[in-house]
Amino acid sequence: MPSLIFLMIFGAAAFSFWSAGRAAAERAEAVGRDACRAAGVQWLDQSVHAIGLKVIRRESGWLGFERTFRFDYSIDGEDRHVGRLVLRGERLIAFSGPIAREPSQLH
């Protein structure tokens, strides 16, 4: 019986980790798409790719994850450039990619 409880706890933790990862990927996708739209460039492949994950200590003192994503964009339709963004939870902390015409359009 105790092994069933451990299995349930492990399953809940795995689901929580997966769910948080999906939420971060959706947030990264929205930020990348908005940045490309604001800069007037074409967002390629319609997705972001997770390229990094590390454990960090949040401002509150609790442990959390910092996730790094990459996306591709094109300026003229014939080239390909790589953009990169870093999220801590839902908060964007680093971005490199197309430059927005008006920086206030990124959130």
Protein backbone atom coordinates (compact mmCIF):
# COMPACT_ATOMS: atom_id res chain seq x y z
CA MET A 1 0.00 0.00 0.00
CA PRO A 2 2.77 2.55 0.73
CA SER A 3 4.21 1.94 -2.74
CA LEU A 4 0.89 3.02 -4.26
CA ILE A 5 1.01 6.28 -2.31
CA PHE A 6 4.57 6.93 -3.52
CA LEU A 7 3.51 6.16 -7.08
CA MET A 8 0.61 8.62 -6.79
CA ILE A 9 2.88 11.34 -5.37
CA PHE A 10 5.43 10.76 -8.13
CA GLY A 11 2.67 10.85 -10.76
CA ALA A 12 1.29 14.11 -9.39
CA ALA A 13 4.77 15.68 -9.35
CA ALA A 14 5.47 14.54 -12.92
CA PHE A 15 2.13 15.91 -14.13
CA SER A 16 2.78 19.23 -12.36
CA PHE A 17 6.23 19.53 -13.97
CA TRP A 18 4.83 18.71 -17.43
CA SER A 19 1.92 21.14 -17.01
CA ALA A 20 4.22 24.00 -15.93
CA GLY A 21 6.48 23.28 -18.90
CA ARG A 22 3.56 23.45 -21.33
CA ALA A 23 2.34 26.72 -19.78
CA ALA A 24 5.84 28.21 -20.13
CA ALA A 25 6.05 27.06 -23.76
CA GLU A 26 2.69 28.67 -24.53
CA ARG A 27 3.84 31.92 -22.89
CA ALA A 28 7.12 31.81 -24.85
CA GLU A 29 5.20 31.22 -28.07
CA ALA A 30 2.99 34.25 -27.42
CA VAL A 31 5.99 36.47 -26.62
CA GLY A 32 7.89 35.32 -29.73
CA ARG A 33 4.89 35.80 -31.98
CA ASP A 34 4.18 39.27 -30.53
CA ALA A 35 7.83 40.30 -30.94
CA CYS A 36 7.85 39.23 -34.58
CA ARG A 37 4.57 41.00 -35.27
CA ALA A 38 5.82 44.19 -33.56
CA ALA A 39 9.06 44.11 -35.56
CA GLY A 40 7.30 43.40 -38.84
CA VAL A 41 9.13 40.11 -39.50
CA GLN A 42 7.84 36.64 -40.29
CA TRP A 43 7.68 34.14 -37.44
CA LEU A 44 8.82 30.75 -38.80
CA ASP A 45 7.71 27.21 -37.92
CA GLN A 46 4.87 28.51 -35.70
CA SER A 47 6.53 27.18 -32.54
CA VAL A 48 9.22 27.61 -29.93
CA HIS A 49 11.73 24.98 -28.85
CA ALA A 50 12.89 24.44 -25.28
CA ILE A 51 16.68 24.51 -25.17
CA GLY A 52 17.44 24.95 -21.49
CA LEU A 53 16.12 24.34 -18.01
CA LYS A 54 17.76 25.20 -14.72
CA VAL A 55 16.76 25.43 -11.09
CA ILE A 56 16.89 28.94 -9.64
CA ARG A 57 15.93 30.61 -6.37
CA ARG A 58 13.05 33.04 -6.81
CA GLU A 59 12.79 36.41 -5.07
CA SER A 60 10.44 34.79 -2.54
CA GLY A 61 13.17 32.31 -1.57
CA TRP A 62 11.41 29.28 -3.08
CA LEU A 63 13.03 27.17 -5.78
CA GLY A 64 11.72 27.48 -9.31
CA PHE A 65 12.65 26.87 -12.90
CA GLU A 66 14.23 29.12 -15.50
CA ARG A 67 13.35 27.92 -19.00
CA THR A 68 15.11 28.99 -22.19
CA PHE A 69 13.36 28.81 -25.57
CA ARG A 70 14.43 29.50 -29.14
CA PHE A 71 12.37 30.46 -32.16
CA ASP A 72 13.14 31.27 -35.78
CA TYR A 73 12.15 34.35 -37.76
CA SER A 74 12.79 35.77 -41.20
CA ILE A 75 13.26 39.39 -42.19
CA ASP A 76 12.69 39.05 -45.95
CA GLY A 77 11.31 35.51 -46.34
CA GLU A 78 14.56 34.05 -47.64
CA ASP A 79 16.74 34.21 -44.55
CA ARG A 80 16.48 32.57 -41.14
CA HIS A 81 17.46 34.09 -37.82
CA VAL A 82 17.32 32.62 -34.33
CA GLY A 83 15.60 34.38 -31.46
CA ARG A 84 15.99 33.38 -27.83
CA LEU A 85 13.98 34.14 -24.71
CA VAL A 86 14.26 33.18 -21.07
CA LEU A 87 11.30 32.82 -18.71
CA ARG A 88 11.28 32.54 -14.93
CA GLY A 89 7.83 31.22 -14.27
CA GLU A 90 5.62 33.45 -16.40
CA ARG A 91 8.01 36.42 -16.31
CA LEU A 92 10.20 37.27 -19.30
CA ILE A 93 13.72 38.05 -18.07
CA ALA A 94 15.80 37.95 -21.28
CA PHE A 95 15.05 38.33 -24.97
CA SER A 96 17.14 38.42 -28.12
CA GLY A 97 15.50 38.54 -31.49
CA PRO A 98 13.76 40.98 -33.79
CA ILE A 99 13.68 44.54 -32.54
CA ALA A 100 10.21 46.00 -32.09
CA ARG A 101 9.41 49.30 -33.73
CA GLU A 102 7.95 50.41 -30.41
CA PRO A 103 9.41 48.65 -27.34
CA SER A 104 6.18 49.13 -25.39
CA GLN A 105 4.46 46.54 -27.64
CA LEU A 106 6.25 43.64 -25.91
CA HIS A 107 4.85 42.34 -22.65
